[in-house]
Every structure is written in structure tokens, then in C-alpha cells.
Amino acid sequence: ETALANGDVDLYVGTYSITDKRKKLVDF
């Protein structure tokens, strides 16, 4: 989440489970 929020990466593709908690921090 930090890497995406800070713009360190543009996308993240790595067994990243979609959860309601994470959807408050990143989009999927």
C-alpha cells in the first residue's frame, strides 16, 4: 500500500488479495 500511495510503483501484480480494508487504501 505504501509503495502505491507514494508512487514508487504504478501497479502491483503479486498475489494481492482484494479486501474491503485494502480498498480504503488502494484501488484494484
mmCIF file of all heavy atoms, coordinates in Angstrom:
data_MODEL
# 
_entry.id   MODEL 
# 
loop_
_atom_site.group_PDB 
_atom_site.id 
_atom_site.type_symbol 
_atom_site.label_atom_id 
_atom_site.label_alt_id 
_atom_site.label_comp_id 
_atom_site.label_asym_id 
_atom_site.label_entity_id 
_atom_site.label_seq_id 
_atom_site.pdbx_PDB_ins_code 
_atom_site.Cartn_x 
_atom_site.Cartn_y 
_atom_site.Cartn_z 
_atom_site.occupancy 
_atom_site.B_iso_or_equiv 
_atom_site.pdbx_formal_charge 
_atom_site.auth_seq_id 
_atom_site.auth_comp_id 
_atom_site.auth_asym_id 
_atom_site.auth_atom_id 
_atom_site.pdbx_PDB_model_num 
ATOM 1   N N   . GLU A 1 1  ? 0.826   -1.212  0.000   1.00 0.00 ? 1  GLU A N   1 
ATOM 2   C CA  . GLU A 1 1  ? 0.000   0.000   0.000   1.00 0.00 ? 1  GLU A CA  1 
ATOM 3   C C   . GLU A 1 1  ? 0.858   1.258   0.000   1.00 0.00 ? 1  GLU A C   1 
ATOM 4   O O   . GLU A 1 1  ? 0.564   2.231   -0.704  1.00 0.00 ? 1  GLU A O   1 
ATOM 5   C CB  . GLU A 1 1  ? -0.933  0.004   1.214   1.00 0.00 ? 1  GLU A CB  1 
ATOM 6   C CG  . GLU A 1 1  ? -2.063  -1.001  1.150   1.00 0.00 ? 1  GLU A CG  1 
ATOM 7   C CD  . GLU A 1 1  ? -1.669  -2.394  1.573   1.00 0.00 ? 1  GLU A CD  1 
ATOM 8   O OE1 . GLU A 1 1  ? -0.571  -2.561  2.157   1.00 0.00 ? 1  GLU A OE1 1 
ATOM 9   O OE2 . GLU A 1 1  ? -2.439  -3.334  1.331   1.00 0.00 ? 1  GLU A OE2 1 
ATOM 10  N N   . THR A 1 2  ? 1.923   1.248   0.779   1.00 0.00 ? 2  THR A N   1 
ATOM 11  C CA  . THR A 1 2  ? 2.812   2.407   0.848   1.00 0.00 ? 2  THR A CA  1 
ATOM 12  C C   . THR A 1 2  ? 3.485   2.661   -0.492  1.00 0.00 ? 2  THR A C   1 
ATOM 13  O O   . THR A 1 2  ? 3.596   3.819   -0.929  1.00 0.00 ? 2  THR A O   1 
ATOM 14  C CB  . THR A 1 2  ? 3.889   2.186   1.933   1.00 0.00 ? 2  THR A CB  1 
ATOM 15  O OG1 . THR A 1 2  ? 3.245   1.979   3.191   1.00 0.00 ? 2  THR A OG1 1 
ATOM 16  C CG2 . THR A 1 2  ? 4.813   3.387   2.034   1.00 0.00 ? 2  THR A CG2 1 
ATOM 17  N N   . ALA A 1 3  ? 3.926   1.606   -1.156  1.00 0.00 ? 3  ALA A N   1 
ATOM 18  C CA  . ALA A 1 3  ? 4.599   1.750   -2.450  1.00 0.00 ? 3  ALA A CA  1 
ATOM 19  C C   . ALA A 1 3  ? 3.673   2.357   -3.489  1.00 0.00 ? 3  ALA A C   1 
ATOM 20  O O   . ALA A 1 3  ? 4.091   3.207   -4.292  1.00 0.00 ? 3  ALA A O   1 
ATOM 21  C CB  . ALA A 1 3  ? 5.128   0.398   -2.923  1.00 0.00 ? 3  ALA A CB  1 
ATOM 22  N N   . LEU A 1 4  ? 2.408   1.955   -3.483  1.00 0.00 ? 4  LEU A N   1 
ATOM 23  C CA  . LEU A 1 4  ? 1.445   2.519   -4.431  1.00 0.00 ? 4  LEU A CA  1 
ATOM 24  C C   . LEU A 1 4  ? 1.090   3.959   -4.072  1.00 0.00 ? 4  LEU A C   1 
ATOM 25  O O   . LEU A 1 4  ? 1.042   4.835   -4.939  1.00 0.00 ? 4  LEU A O   1 
ATOM 26  C CB  . LEU A 1 4  ? 0.179   1.657   -4.466  1.00 0.00 ? 4  LEU A CB  1 
ATOM 27  C CG  . LEU A 1 4  ? 0.322   0.301   -5.162  1.00 0.00 ? 4  LEU A CG  1 
ATOM 28  C CD1 . LEU A 1 4  ? -0.868  -0.593  -4.837  1.00 0.00 ? 4  LEU A CD1 1 
ATOM 29  C CD2 . LEU A 1 4  ? 0.439   0.485   -6.673  1.00 0.00 ? 4  LEU A CD2 1 
ATOM 30  N N   . ALA A 1 5  ? 0.858   4.212   -2.791  1.00 0.00 ? 5  ALA A N   1 
ATOM 31  C CA  . ALA A 1 5  ? 0.479   5.559   -2.351  1.00 0.00 ? 5  ALA A CA  1 
ATOM 32  C C   . ALA A 1 5  ? 1.595   6.568   -2.622  1.00 0.00 ? 5  ALA A C   1 
ATOM 33  O O   . ALA A 1 5  ? 1.327   7.724   -2.997  1.00 0.00 ? 5  ALA A O   1 
ATOM 34  C CB  . ALA A 1 5  ? 0.123   5.545   -0.870  1.00 0.00 ? 5  ALA A CB  1 
ATOM 35  N N   . ASN A 1 6  ? 2.844   6.145   -2.428  1.00 0.00 ? 6  ASN A N   1 
ATOM 36  C CA  . ASN A 1 6  ? 3.986   7.044   -2.627  1.00 0.00 ? 6  ASN A CA  1 
ATOM 37  C C   . ASN A 1 6  ? 4.413   7.171   -4.083  1.00 0.00 ? 6  ASN A C   1 
ATOM 38  O O   . ASN A 1 6  ? 5.313   7.967   -4.394  1.00 0.00 ? 6  ASN A O   1 
ATOM 39  C CB  . ASN A 1 6  ? 5.186   6.557   -1.806  1.00 0.00 ? 6  ASN A CB  1 
ATOM 40  C CG  . ASN A 1 6  ? 4.966   6.709   -0.313  1.00 0.00 ? 6  ASN A CG  1 
ATOM 41  O OD1 . ASN A 1 6  ? 4.047   7.396   0.123   1.00 0.00 ? 6  ASN A OD1 1 
ATOM 42  N ND2 . ASN A 1 6  ? 5.816   6.068   0.476   1.00 0.00 ? 6  ASN A ND2 1 
ATOM 43  N N   . GLY A 1 7  ? 3.824   6.366   -4.958  1.00 0.00 ? 7  GLY A N   1 
ATOM 44  C CA  . GLY A 1 7  ? 4.204   6.418   -6.362  1.00 0.00 ? 7  GLY A CA  1 
ATOM 45  C C   . GLY A 1 7  ? 5.506   5.701   -6.664  1.00 0.00 ? 7  GLY A C   1 
ATOM 46  O O   . GLY A 1 7  ? 6.117   5.936   -7.715  1.00 0.00 ? 7  GLY A O   1 
ATOM 47  N N   . ASP A 1 8  ? 5.927   4.803   -5.765  1.00 0.00 ? 8  ASP A N   1 
ATOM 48  C CA  . ASP A 1 8  ? 7.135   4.019   -6.030  1.00 0.00 ? 8  ASP A CA  1 
ATOM 49  C C   . ASP A 1 8  ? 6.906   3.031   -7.162  1.00 0.00 ? 8  ASP A C   1 
ATOM 50  O O   . ASP A 1 8  ? 7.843   2.658   -7.873  1.00 0.00 ? 8  ASP A O   1 
ATOM 51  C CB  . ASP A 1 8  ? 7.576   3.259   -4.770  1.00 0.00 ? 8  ASP A CB  1 
ATOM 52  C CG  . ASP A 1 8  ? 7.929   4.194   -3.629  1.00 0.00 ? 8  ASP A CG  1 
ATOM 53  O OD1 . ASP A 1 8  ? 8.392   5.314   -3.912  1.00 0.00 ? 8  ASP A OD1 1 
ATOM 54  O OD2 . ASP A 1 8  ? 7.739   3.808   -2.456  1.00 0.00 ? 8  ASP A OD2 1 
ATOM 55  N N   . VAL A 1 9  ? 5.667   2.553   -7.293  1.00 0.00 ? 9  VAL A N   1 
ATOM 56  C CA  . VAL A 1 9  ? 5.276   1.700   -8.410  1.00 0.00 ? 9  VAL A CA  1 
ATOM 57  C C   . VAL A 1 9  ? 3.953   2.215   -8.963  1.00 0.00 ? 9  VAL A C   1 
ATOM 58  O O   . VAL A 1 9  ? 3.172   2.857   -8.255  1.00 0.00 ? 9  VAL A O   1 
ATOM 59  C CB  . VAL A 1 9  ? 5.130   0.220   -7.998  1.00 0.00 ? 9  VAL A CB  1 
ATOM 60  C CG1 . VAL A 1 9  ? 6.488   -0.369  -7.611  1.00 0.00 ? 9  VAL A CG1 1 
ATOM 61  C CG2 . VAL A 1 9  ? 4.137   0.046   -6.859  1.00 0.00 ? 9  VAL A CG2 1 
ATOM 62  N N   . ASP A 1 10 ? 3.707   1.927   -10.242 1.00 0.00 ? 10 ASP A N   1 
ATOM 63  C CA  . ASP A 1 10 ? 2.465   2.344   -10.891 1.00 0.00 ? 10 ASP A CA  1 
ATOM 64  C C   . ASP A 1 10 ? 1.360   1.308   -10.698 1.00 0.00 ? 10 ASP A C   1 
ATOM 65  O O   . ASP A 1 10 ? 0.194   1.664   -10.557 1.00 0.00 ? 10 ASP A O   1 
ATOM 66  C CB  . ASP A 1 10 ? 2.708   2.562   -12.388 1.00 0.00 ? 10 ASP A CB  1 
ATOM 67  C CG  . ASP A 1 10 ? 3.810   3.574   -12.651 1.00 0.00 ? 10 ASP A CG  1 
ATOM 68  O OD1 . ASP A 1 10 ? 3.703   4.702   -12.123 1.00 0.00 ? 10 ASP A OD1 1 
ATOM 69  O OD2 . ASP A 1 10 ? 4.776   3.243   -13.364 1.00 0.00 ? 10 ASP A OD2 1 
ATOM 70  N N   . LEU A 1 11 ? 1.749   0.036   -10.700 1.00 0.00 ? 11 LEU A N   1 
ATOM 71  C CA  . LEU A 1 11 ? 0.822   -1.065  -10.480 1.00 0.00 ? 11 LEU A CA  1 
ATOM 72  C C   . LEU A 1 11 ? 1.485   -2.069  -9.546  1.00 0.00 ? 11 LEU A C   1 
ATOM 73  O O   . LEU A 1 11 ? 2.704   -2.092  -9.425  1.00 0.00 ? 11 LEU A O   1 
ATOM 74  C CB  . LEU A 1 11 ? 0.463   -1.782  -11.794 1.00 0.00 ? 11 LEU A CB  1 
ATOM 75  C CG  . LEU A 1 11 ? -0.205  -0.986  -12.902 1.00 0.00 ? 11 LEU A CG  1 
ATOM 76  C CD1 . LEU A 1 11 ? -0.358  -1.859  -14.144 1.00 0.00 ? 11 LEU A CD1 1 
ATOM 77  C CD2 . LEU A 1 11 ? -1.555  -0.445  -12.461 1.00 0.00 ? 11 LEU A CD2 1 
ATOM 78  N N   . TYR A 1 12 ? 0.662   -2.903  -8.921  1.00 0.00 ? 12 TYR A N   1 
ATOM 79  C CA  . TYR A 1 12 ? 1.200   -4.022  -8.158  1.00 0.00 ? 12 TYR A CA  1 
ATOM 80  C C   . TYR A 1 12 ? 0.469   -5.288  -8.585  1.00 0.00 ? 12 TYR A C   1 
ATOM 81  O O   . TYR A 1 12 ? -0.753  -5.358  -8.497  1.00 0.00 ? 12 TYR A O   1 
ATOM 82  C CB  . TYR A 1 12 ? 1.043   -3.830  -6.643  1.00 0.00 ? 12 TYR A CB  1 
ATOM 83  C CG  . TYR A 1 12 ? 1.843   -4.856  -5.863  1.00 0.00 ? 12 TYR A CG  1 
ATOM 84  C CD1 . TYR A 1 12 ? 3.115   -4.563  -5.398  1.00 0.00 ? 12 TYR A CD1 1 
ATOM 85  C CD2 . TYR A 1 12 ? 1.348   -6.141  -5.660  1.00 0.00 ? 12 TYR A CD2 1 
ATOM 86  C CE1 . TYR A 1 12 ? 3.876   -5.519  -4.738  1.00 0.00 ? 12 TYR A CE1 1 
ATOM 87  C CE2 . TYR A 1 12 ? 2.100   -7.096  -5.001  1.00 0.00 ? 12 TYR A CE2 1 
ATOM 88  C CZ  . TYR A 1 12 ? 3.359   -6.778  -4.540  1.00 0.00 ? 12 TYR A CZ  1 
ATOM 89  O OH  . TYR A 1 12 ? 4.113   -7.727  -3.908  1.00 0.00 ? 12 TYR A OH  1 
ATOM 90  N N   . VAL A 1 13 ? 1.243   -6.269  -9.054  1.00 0.00 ? 13 VAL A N   1 
ATOM 91  C CA  . VAL A 1 13 ? 0.675   -7.539  -9.501  1.00 0.00 ? 13 VAL A CA  1 
ATOM 92  C C   . VAL A 1 13 ? 1.461   -8.655  -8.825  1.00 0.00 ? 13 VAL A C   1 
ATOM 93  O O   . VAL A 1 13 ? 2.502   -9.074  -9.324  1.00 0.00 ? 13 VAL A O   1 
ATOM 94  C CB  . VAL A 1 13 ? 0.729   -7.696  -11.032 1.00 0.00 ? 13 VAL A CB  1 
ATOM 95  C CG1 . VAL A 1 13 ? -0.041  -8.947  -11.468 1.00 0.00 ? 13 VAL A CG1 1 
ATOM 96  C CG2 . VAL A 1 13 ? 0.168   -6.462  -11.734 1.00 0.00 ? 13 VAL A CG2 1 
ATOM 97  N N   . GLY A 1 14 ? 0.963   -9.107  -7.669  1.00 0.00 ? 14 GLY A N   1 
ATOM 98  C CA  . GLY A 1 14 ? 1.723   -10.100 -6.927  1.00 0.00 ? 14 GLY A CA  1 
ATOM 99  C C   . GLY A 1 14 ? 0.891   -10.764 -5.848  1.00 0.00 ? 14 GLY A C   1 
ATOM 100 O O   . GLY A 1 14 ? 1.049   -10.445 -4.669  1.00 0.00 ? 14 GLY A O   1 
ATOM 101 N N   . THR A 1 15 ? 0.005   -11.676 -6.235  1.00 0.00 ? 15 THR A N   1 
ATOM 102 C CA  . THR A 1 15 ? -0.863  -12.401 -5.291  1.00 0.00 ? 15 THR A CA  1 
ATOM 103 C C   . THR A 1 15 ? -1.434  -11.436 -4.247  1.00 0.00 ? 15 THR A C   1 
ATOM 104 O O   . THR A 1 15 ? -1.367  -11.682 -3.043  1.00 0.00 ? 15 THR A O   1 
ATOM 105 C CB  . THR A 1 15 ? -0.121  -13.568 -4.616  1.00 0.00 ? 15 THR A CB  1 
ATOM 106 O OG1 . THR A 1 15 ? 1.014   -13.079 -3.885  1.00 0.00 ? 15 THR A OG1 1 
ATOM 107 C CG2 . THR A 1 15 ? 0.364   -14.581 -5.647  1.00 0.00 ? 15 THR A CG2 1 
ATOM 108 N N   . TYR A 1 16 ? -2.024  -10.346 -4.717  1.00 0.00 ? 16 TYR A N   1 
ATOM 109 C CA  . TYR A 1 16 ? -2.509  -9.256  -3.876  1.00 0.00 ? 16 TYR A CA  1 
ATOM 110 C C   . TYR A 1 16 ? -4.013  -9.426  -3.692  1.00 0.00 ? 16 TYR A C   1 
ATOM 111 O O   . TYR A 1 16 ? -4.808  -9.084  -4.567  1.00 0.00 ? 16 TYR A O   1 
ATOM 112 C CB  . TYR A 1 16 ? -2.194  -7.934  -4.577  1.00 0.00 ? 16 TYR A CB  1 
ATOM 113 C CG  . TYR A 1 16 ? -2.224  -6.692  -3.723  1.00 0.00 ? 16 TYR A CG  1 
ATOM 114 C CD1 . TYR A 1 16 ? -2.406  -6.732  -2.356  1.00 0.00 ? 16 TYR A CD1 1 
ATOM 115 C CD2 . TYR A 1 16 ? -2.044  -5.443  -4.320  1.00 0.00 ? 16 TYR A CD2 1 
ATOM 116 C CE1 . TYR A 1 16 ? -2.419  -5.578  -1.597  1.00 0.00 ? 16 TYR A CE1 1 
ATOM 117 C CE2 . TYR A 1 16 ? -2.041  -4.283  -3.578  1.00 0.00 ? 16 TYR A CE2 1 
ATOM 118 C CZ  . TYR A 1 16 ? -2.237  -4.349  -2.222  1.00 0.00 ? 16 TYR A CZ  1 
ATOM 119 O OH  . TYR A 1 16 ? -2.249  -3.191  -1.473  1.00 0.00 ? 16 TYR A OH  1 
ATOM 120 N N   . SER A 1 17 ? -4.428  -9.952  -2.542  1.00 0.00 ? 17 SER A N   1 
ATOM 121 C CA  . SER A 1 17 ? -5.841  -10.249 -2.305  1.00 0.00 ? 17 SER A CA  1 
ATOM 122 C C   . SER A 1 17 ? -6.649  -8.967  -2.107  1.00 0.00 ? 17 SER A C   1 
ATOM 123 O O   . SER A 1 17 ? -6.257  -8.073  -1.353  1.00 0.00 ? 17 SER A O   1 
ATOM 124 C CB  . SER A 1 17 ? -5.995  -11.148 -1.072  1.00 0.00 ? 17 SER A CB  1 
ATOM 125 O OG  . SER A 1 17 ? -5.400  -12.407 -1.288  1.00 0.00 ? 17 SER A OG  1 
ATOM 126 N N   . ILE A 1 18 ? -7.784  -8.906  -2.791  1.00 0.00 ? 18 ILE A N   1 
ATOM 127 C CA  . ILE A 1 18 ? -8.691  -7.765  -2.667  1.00 0.00 ? 18 ILE A CA  1 
ATOM 128 C C   . ILE A 1 18 ? -9.481  -7.921  -1.370  1.00 0.00 ? 18 ILE A C   1 
ATOM 129 O O   . ILE A 1 18 ? -10.158 -8.930  -1.164  1.00 0.00 ? 18 ILE A O   1 
ATOM 130 C CB  . ILE A 1 18 ? -9.661  -7.705  -3.860  1.00 0.00 ? 18 ILE A CB  1 
ATOM 131 C CG1 . ILE A 1 18 ? -8.899  -7.599  -5.182  1.00 0.00 ? 18 ILE A CG1 1 
ATOM 132 C CG2 . ILE A 1 18 ? -10.627 -6.540  -3.705  1.00 0.00 ? 18 ILE A CG2 1 
ATOM 133 C CD1 . ILE A 1 18 ? -9.775  -7.776  -6.413  1.00 0.00 ? 18 ILE A CD1 1 
ATOM 134 N N   . THR A 1 19 ? -9.390  -6.931  -0.495  1.00 0.00 ? 19 THR A N   1 
ATOM 135 C CA  . THR A 1 19 ? -10.180 -6.925  0.740   1.00 0.00 ? 19 THR A CA  1 
ATOM 136 C C   . THR A 1 19 ? -10.795 -5.547  0.937   1.00 0.00 ? 19 THR A C   1 
ATOM 137 O O   . THR A 1 19 ? -10.305 -4.549  0.390   1.00 0.00 ? 19 THR A O   1 
ATOM 138 C CB  . THR A 1 19 ? -9.313  -7.253  1.977   1.00 0.00 ? 19 THR A CB  1 
ATOM 139 O OG1 . THR A 1 19 ? -8.379  -6.177  2.196   1.00 0.00 ? 19 THR A OG1 1 
ATOM 140 C CG2 . THR A 1 19 ? -8.545  -8.560  1.792   1.00 0.00 ? 19 THR A CG2 1 
ATOM 141 N N   . ASP A 1 20 ? -11.871 -5.488  1.714   1.00 0.00 ? 20 ASP A N   1 
ATOM 142 C CA  . ASP A 1 20 ? -12.521 -4.199  1.972   1.00 0.00 ? 20 ASP A CA  1 
ATOM 143 C C   . ASP A 1 20 ? -11.565 -3.240  2.682   1.00 0.00 ? 20 ASP A C   1 
ATOM 144 O O   . ASP A 1 20 ? -11.573 -2.030  2.419   1.00 0.00 ? 20 ASP A O   1 
ATOM 145 C CB  . ASP A 1 20 ? -13.776 -4.413  2.813   1.00 0.00 ? 20 ASP A CB  1 
ATOM 146 C CG  . ASP A 1 20 ? -14.902 -5.077  2.025   1.00 0.00 ? 20 ASP A CG  1 
ATOM 147 O OD1 . ASP A 1 20 ? -14.859 -5.033  0.783   1.00 0.00 ? 20 ASP A OD1 1 
ATOM 148 O OD2 . ASP A 1 20 ? -15.805 -5.656  2.653   1.00 0.00 ? 20 ASP A OD2 1 
ATOM 149 N N   . LYS A 1 21 ? -10.751 -3.770  3.583   1.00 0.00 ? 21 LYS A N   1 
ATOM 150 C CA  . LYS A 1 21 ? -9.791  -2.936  4.306   1.00 0.00 ? 21 LYS A CA  1 
ATOM 151 C C   . LYS A 1 21 ? -8.778  -2.316  3.346   1.00 0.00 ? 21 LYS A C   1 
ATOM 152 O O   . LYS A 1 21 ? -8.479  -1.117  3.422   1.00 0.00 ? 21 LYS A O   1 
ATOM 153 C CB  . LYS A 1 21 ? -9.075  -3.778  5.363   1.00 0.00 ? 21 LYS A CB  1 
ATOM 154 C CG  . LYS A 1 21 ? -8.066  -3.003  6.201   1.00 0.00 ? 21 LYS A CG  1 
ATOM 155 C CD  . LYS A 1 21 ? -7.424  -3.912  7.246   1.00 0.00 ? 21 LYS A CD  1 
ATOM 156 C CE  . LYS A 1 21 ? -6.394  -3.154  8.074   1.00 0.00 ? 21 LYS A CE  1 
ATOM 157 N NZ  . LYS A 1 21 ? -5.757  -4.036  9.095   1.00 0.00 ? 21 LYS A NZ  1 
ATOM 158 N N   . ARG A 1 22 ? -8.266  -3.102  2.426   1.00 0.00 ? 22 ARG A N   1 
ATOM 159 C CA  . ARG A 1 22 ? -7.276  -2.586  1.477   1.00 0.00 ? 22 ARG A CA  1 
ATOM 160 C C   . ARG A 1 22 ? -7.900  -1.622  0.475   1.00 0.00 ? 22 ARG A C   1 
ATOM 161 O O   . ARG A 1 22 ? -7.228  -0.699  -0.006  1.00 0.00 ? 22 ARG A O   1 
ATOM 162 C CB  . ARG A 1 22 ? -6.600  -3.754  0.750   1.00 0.00 ? 22 ARG A CB  1 
ATOM 163 C CG  . ARG A 1 22 ? -5.640  -4.529  1.647   1.00 0.00 ? 22 ARG A CG  1 
ATOM 164 C CD  . ARG A 1 22 ? -5.100  -5.752  0.951   1.00 0.00 ? 22 ARG A CD  1 
ATOM 165 N NE  . ARG A 1 22 ? -4.145  -6.456  1.807   1.00 0.00 ? 22 ARG A NE  1 
ATOM 166 C CZ  . ARG A 1 22 ? -3.778  -7.714  1.642   1.00 0.00 ? 22 ARG A CZ  1 
ATOM 167 N NH1 . ARG A 1 22 ? -4.288  -8.427  0.639   1.00 0.00 ? 22 ARG A NH1 1 
ATOM 168 N NH2 . ARG A 1 22 ? -2.906  -8.269  2.461   1.00 0.00 ? 22 ARG A NH2 1 
ATOM 169 N N   . LYS A 1 23 ? -9.186  -1.816  0.153   1.00 0.00 ? 23 LYS A N   1 
ATOM 170 C CA  . LYS A 1 23 ? -9.849  -0.936  -0.816  1.00 0.00 ? 23 LYS A CA  1 
ATOM 171 C C   . LYS A 1 23 ? -10.008 0.482   -0.276  1.00 0.00 ? 23 LYS A C   1 
ATOM 172 O O   . LYS A 1 23 ? -10.323 1.401   -1.025  1.00 0.00 ? 23 LYS A O   1 
ATOM 173 C CB  . LYS A 1 23 ? -11.200 -1.523  -1.212  1.00 0.00 ? 23 LYS A CB  1 
ATOM 174 C CG  . LYS A 1 23 ? -11.066 -2.677  -2.212  1.00 0.00 ? 23 LYS A CG  1 
ATOM 175 C CD  . LYS A 1 23 ? -12.313 -3.529  -2.295  1.00 0.00 ? 23 LYS A CD  1 
ATOM 176 C CE  . LYS A 1 23 ? -13.480 -2.828  -2.884  1.00 0.00 ? 23 LYS A CE  1 
ATOM 177 N NZ  . LYS A 1 23 ? -14.631 -3.748  -3.078  1.00 0.00 ? 23 LYS A NZ  1 
ATOM 178 N N   . LYS A 1 24 ? -9.782  0.666   1.012   1.00 0.00 ? 24 LYS A N   1 
ATOM 179 C CA  . LYS A 1 24 ? -9.778  2.018   1.577   1.00 0.00 ? 24 LYS A CA  1 
ATOM 180 C C   . LYS A 1 24 ? -8.438  2.711   1.333   1.00 0.00 ? 24 LYS A C   1 
ATOM 181 O O   . LYS A 1 24 ? -8.323  3.927   1.518   1.00 0.00 ? 24 LYS A O   1 
ATOM 182 C CB  . LYS A 1 24 ? -10.059 1.959   3.077   1.00 0.00 ? 24 LYS A CB  1 
ATOM 183 C CG  . LYS A 1 24 ? -11.452 1.429   3.420   1.00 0.00 ? 24 LYS A CG  1 
ATOM 184 C CD  . LYS A 1 24 ? -11.638 1.318   4.925   1.00 0.00 ? 24 LYS A CD  1 
ATOM 185 C CE  . LYS A 1 24 ? -13.020 0.757   5.271   1.00 0.00 ? 24 LYS A CE  1 
ATOM 186 N NZ  . LYS A 1 24 ? -13.202 0.595   6.745   1.00 0.00 ? 24 LYS A NZ  1 
ATOM 187 N N   . LEU A 1 25 ? -7.427  1.936   0.944   1.00 0.00 ? 25 LEU A N   1 
ATOM 188 C CA  . LEU A 1 25 ? -6.074  2.464   0.778   1.00 0.00 ? 25 LEU A CA  1 
ATOM 189 C C   . LEU A 1 25 ? -5.603  2.468   -0.671  1.00 0.00 ? 25 LEU A C   1 
ATOM 190 O O   . LEU A 1 25 ? -4.803  3.329   -1.062  1.00 0.00 ? 25 LEU A O   1 
ATOM 191 C CB  . LEU A 1 25 ? -5.096  1.636   1.620   1.00 0.00 ? 25 LEU A CB  1 
ATOM 192 C CG  . LEU A 1 25 ? -5.381  1.564   3.116   1.00 0.00 ? 25 LEU A CG  1 
ATOM 193 C CD1 . LEU A 1 25 ? -4.446  0.573   3.795   1.00 0.00 ? 25 LEU A CD1 1 
ATOM 194 C CD2 . LEU A 1 25 ? -5.246  2.950   3.755   1.00 0.00 ? 25 LEU A CD2 1 
ATOM 195 N N   . VAL A 1 26 ? -6.066  1.500   -1.456  1.00 0.00 ? 26 VAL A N   1 
ATOM 196 C CA  . VAL A 1 26 ? -5.677  1.397   -2.861  1.00 0.00 ? 26 VAL A CA  1 
ATOM 197 C C   . VAL A 1 26 ? -6.887  0.972   -3.681  1.00 0.00 ? 26 VAL A C   1 
ATOM 198 O O   . VAL A 1 26 ? -7.895  0.503   -3.132  1.00 0.00 ? 26 VAL A O   1 
ATOM 199 C CB  . VAL A 1 26 ? -4.527  0.378   -3.080  1.00 0.00 ? 26 VAL A CB  1 
ATOM 200 C CG1 . VAL A 1 26 ? -3.286  0.773   -2.307  1.00 0.00 ? 26 VAL A CG1 1 
ATOM 201 C CG2 . VAL A 1 26 ? -4.969  -1.027  -2.691  1.00 0.00 ? 26 VAL A CG2 1 
ATOM 202 N N   . ASP A 1 27 ? -6.796  1.140   -4.985  1.00 0.00 ? 27 ASP A N   1 
ATOM 203 C CA  . ASP A 1 27 ? -7.817  0.622   -5.897  1.00 0.00 ? 27 ASP A CA  1 
ATOM 204 C C   . ASP A 1 27 ? -7.337  -0.701  -6.494  1.00 0.00 ? 27 ASP A C   1 
ATOM 205 O O   . ASP A 1 27 ? -6.133  -0.949  -6.592  1.00 0.00 ? 27 ASP A O   1 
ATOM 206 C CB  . ASP A 1 27 ? -8.093  1.628   -7.025  1.00 0.00 ? 27 ASP A CB  1 
ATOM 207 C CG  . ASP A 1 27 ? -9.187  2.617   -6.653  1.00 0.00 ? 27 ASP A CG  1 
ATOM 208 O OD1 . ASP A 1 27 ? -9.758  2.487   -5.560  1.00 0.00 ? 27 ASP A OD1 1 
ATOM 209 O OD2 . ASP A 1 27 ? -9.460  3.526   -7.458  1.00 0.00 ? 27 ASP A OD2 1 
ATOM 210 N N   . PHE A 1 28 ? -8.308  -1.515  -6.910  1.00 0.00 ? 28 PHE A N   1 
ATOM 211 C CA  . PHE A 1 28 ? -7.998  -2.811  -7.507  1.00 0.00 ? 28 PHE A CA  1 
ATOM 212 C C   . PHE A 1 28 ? -8.755  -2.992  -8.815  1.00 0.00 ? 28 PHE A C   1 
ATOM 213 O O   . PHE A 1 28 ? -9.964  -2.746  -8.874  1.00 0.00 ? 28 PHE A O   1 
ATOM 214 C CB  . PHE A 1 28 ? -8.425  -3.964  -6.592  1.00 0.00 ? 28 PHE A CB  1 
ATOM 215 C CG  . PHE A 1 28 ? -7.578  -4.152  -5.370  1.00 0.00 ? 28 PHE A CG  1 
ATOM 216 C CD1 . PHE A 1 28 ? -7.996  -3.661  -4.140  1.00 0.00 ? 28 PHE A CD1 1 
ATOM 217 C CD2 . PHE A 1 28 ? -6.379  -4.844  -5.435  1.00 0.00 ? 28 PHE A CD2 1 
ATOM 218 C CE1 . PHE A 1 28 ? -7.237  -3.850  -2.996  1.00 0.00 ? 28 PHE A CE1 1 
ATOM 219 C CE2 . PHE A 1 28 ? -5.609  -5.039  -4.295  1.00 0.00 ? 28 PHE A CE2 1 
ATOM 220 C CZ  . PHE A 1 28 ? -6.037  -4.538  -3.076  1.00 0.00 ? 28 PHE A CZ  1 
# 
